[in-house]
Amino acid sequence: MLITKALLRGGIPLVIMSGIAFSLYLQGKYSDAKGTFMASLIAFFVGAATVIYNIDDWSFMKQSGVHFLIMLMTVYPVLLLSGWFEISSAMDAFKILLLFVSVGLVIWLVMYTLAKVFSW
């Protein structure tokens, strides 16, 4: 059941955005096509991983930790391969990791706050 939900949550944006990427590719906009496809992969992984928060037997901290590890193993490599950042050294990859963690933490805090404010 969770796998089906994950595939739907991640697959829908993947299919739509990949279609847009393919259309851009056919128009000769190769850089835009690659960027859109990379964004579709990120949307897939983020969307699919949200099912972690539906596992009621896990504590919120465990859900958050597993979600972070999934993002680290999927989204971070996509960022490294996307071409959005210049990577000429291990330090560059580390800076991207710091950006990844910082943005992820901000998003997590915003979503956590919204969930607390709007839960009734």
Protein backbone atom coordinates (compact mmCIF):
# COMPACT_ATOMS: atom_id res chain seq x y z
CA MET A 1 0.00 0.00 0.00
CA LEU A 2 2.78 2.46 0.90
CA ILE A 3 4.68 1.61 -2.28
CA THR A 4 1.60 2.36 -4.38
CA LYS A 5 1.13 5.69 -2.61
CA ALA A 6 4.82 6.50 -3.05
CA LEU A 7 4.70 5.73 -6.76
CA LEU A 8 1.62 7.90 -7.19
CA ARG A 9 2.94 10.81 -5.12
CA GLY A 10 6.27 10.79 -6.91
CA GLY A 11 5.21 9.39 -10.26
CA ILE A 12 2.64 11.99 -11.20
CA PRO A 13 5.05 14.96 -11.10
CA LEU A 14 7.76 12.78 -12.69
CA VAL A 15 5.56 11.95 -15.69
CA ILE A 16 4.29 15.51 -16.13
CA MET A 17 7.67 17.17 -15.77
CA SER A 18 9.42 14.54 -17.90
CA GLY A 19 6.88 15.29 -20.62
CA ILE A 20 7.76 18.96 -20.38
CA ALA A 21 11.46 18.09 -20.47
CA PHE A 22 10.93 15.95 -23.58
CA SER A 23 9.03 18.79 -25.25
CA LEU A 24 11.88 21.18 -24.46
CA TYR A 25 14.37 18.65 -25.82
CA LEU A 26 12.43 18.38 -29.10
CA GLN A 27 12.57 22.17 -29.37
CA GLY A 28 16.35 22.07 -29.08
CA LYS A 29 16.38 23.59 -25.60
CA TYR A 30 18.73 20.92 -24.26
CA SER A 31 19.88 22.76 -21.14
CA ASP A 32 16.31 23.57 -20.13
CA ALA A 33 15.27 19.99 -20.86
CA LYS A 34 18.04 18.59 -18.64
CA GLY A 35 17.20 21.02 -15.82
CA THR A 36 13.51 20.19 -16.00
CA PHE A 37 14.24 16.46 -16.02
CA MET A 38 16.54 16.81 -13.01
CA ALA A 39 13.80 18.75 -11.21
CA SER A 40 11.36 15.96 -12.10
CA LEU A 41 13.67 13.42 -10.44
CA ILE A 42 13.84 15.54 -7.31
CA ALA A 43 10.04 15.92 -7.31
CA PHE A 44 9.72 12.15 -7.67
CA PHE A 45 12.00 11.38 -4.73
CA VAL A 46 10.51 14.06 -2.48
CA GLY A 47 6.94 13.08 -3.32
CA ALA A 48 7.56 9.36 -2.94
CA ALA A 49 9.37 9.79 0.37
CA THR A 50 6.43 11.60 1.97
CA VAL A 51 4.84 8.21 2.67
CA ILE A 52 7.39 7.85 5.48
CA TYR A 53 5.16 10.17 7.50
CA ASN A 54 2.25 7.72 7.12
CA ILE A 55 4.01 5.00 9.12
CA ASP A 56 2.15 5.42 12.40
CA ASP A 57 4.32 2.91 14.30
CA TRP A 58 7.36 5.19 13.91
CA SER A 59 8.07 8.24 16.03
CA PHE A 60 8.15 11.59 14.30
CA MET A 61 11.91 11.79 14.86
CA LYS A 62 12.43 8.38 13.25
CA GLN A 63 10.23 9.40 10.30
CA SER A 64 12.20 12.62 9.92
CA GLY A 65 15.55 10.84 10.17
CA VAL A 66 14.63 8.20 7.60
CA HIS A 67 13.23 10.89 5.31
CA PHE A 68 16.49 12.84 5.59
CA LEU A 69 18.54 9.73 4.76
CA ILE A 70 16.37 8.99 1.73
CA MET A 71 16.78 12.58 0.54
CA LEU A 72 20.53 12.37 1.12
CA MET A 73 20.79 9.19 -0.95
CA THR A 74 18.56 10.41 -3.79
CA VAL A 75 18.25 14.19 -4.05
CA TYR A 76 21.83 15.06 -3.14
CA PRO A 77 23.31 12.94 -5.96
CA VAL A 78 20.82 14.46 -8.41
CA LEU A 79 22.03 17.90 -7.33
CA LEU A 80 25.62 16.83 -7.93
CA LEU A 81 24.80 15.49 -11.41
CA SER A 82 22.39 18.25 -12.42
CA GLY A 83 24.95 20.70 -13.72
CA TRP A 84 23.40 23.45 -11.61
CA PHE A 85 26.57 23.75 -9.56
CA GLU A 86 30.19 23.90 -10.57
CA ILE A 87 31.98 20.98 -9.00
CA SER A 88 35.73 20.93 -9.39
CA SER A 89 36.73 19.60 -5.99
CA ALA A 90 35.51 17.67 -2.98
CA MET A 91 35.09 21.03 -1.23
CA ASP A 92 32.57 22.08 -3.89
CA ALA A 93 30.57 18.89 -3.26
CA PHE A 94 30.76 19.57 0.48
CA LYS A 95 29.44 23.12 -0.03
CA ILE A 96 26.53 21.67 -1.99
CA LEU A 97 25.93 19.24 0.87
CA LEU A 98 25.82 22.16 3.32
CA LEU A 99 23.35 23.98 1.05
CA PHE A 100 21.27 20.80 0.75
CA VAL A 101 21.15 20.36 4.55
CA SER A 102 20.42 24.05 5.16
CA VAL A 103 17.56 24.24 2.67
CA GLY A 104 16.20 20.91 3.90
CA LEU A 105 16.26 22.11 7.49
CA VAL A 106 14.41 25.33 6.62
CA ILE A 107 11.78 23.41 4.65
CA TRP A 108 11.42 20.88 7.49
CA LEU A 109 10.98 23.66 10.08
CA VAL A 110 8.40 25.48 7.95
CA MET A 111 6.41 22.30 7.31
CA TYR A 112 6.65 21.25 10.97
CA THR A 113 5.39 24.68 12.06
CA LEU A 114 2.54 24.62 9.54
CA ALA A 115 1.56 21.13 10.66
CA LYS A 116 1.46 22.27 14.31
CA VAL A 117 -0.43 25.49 13.55
CA PHE A 118 -3.03 23.91 11.26
CA SER A 119 -3.58 20.56 12.98
CA TRP A 120 -6.96 20.38 14.59
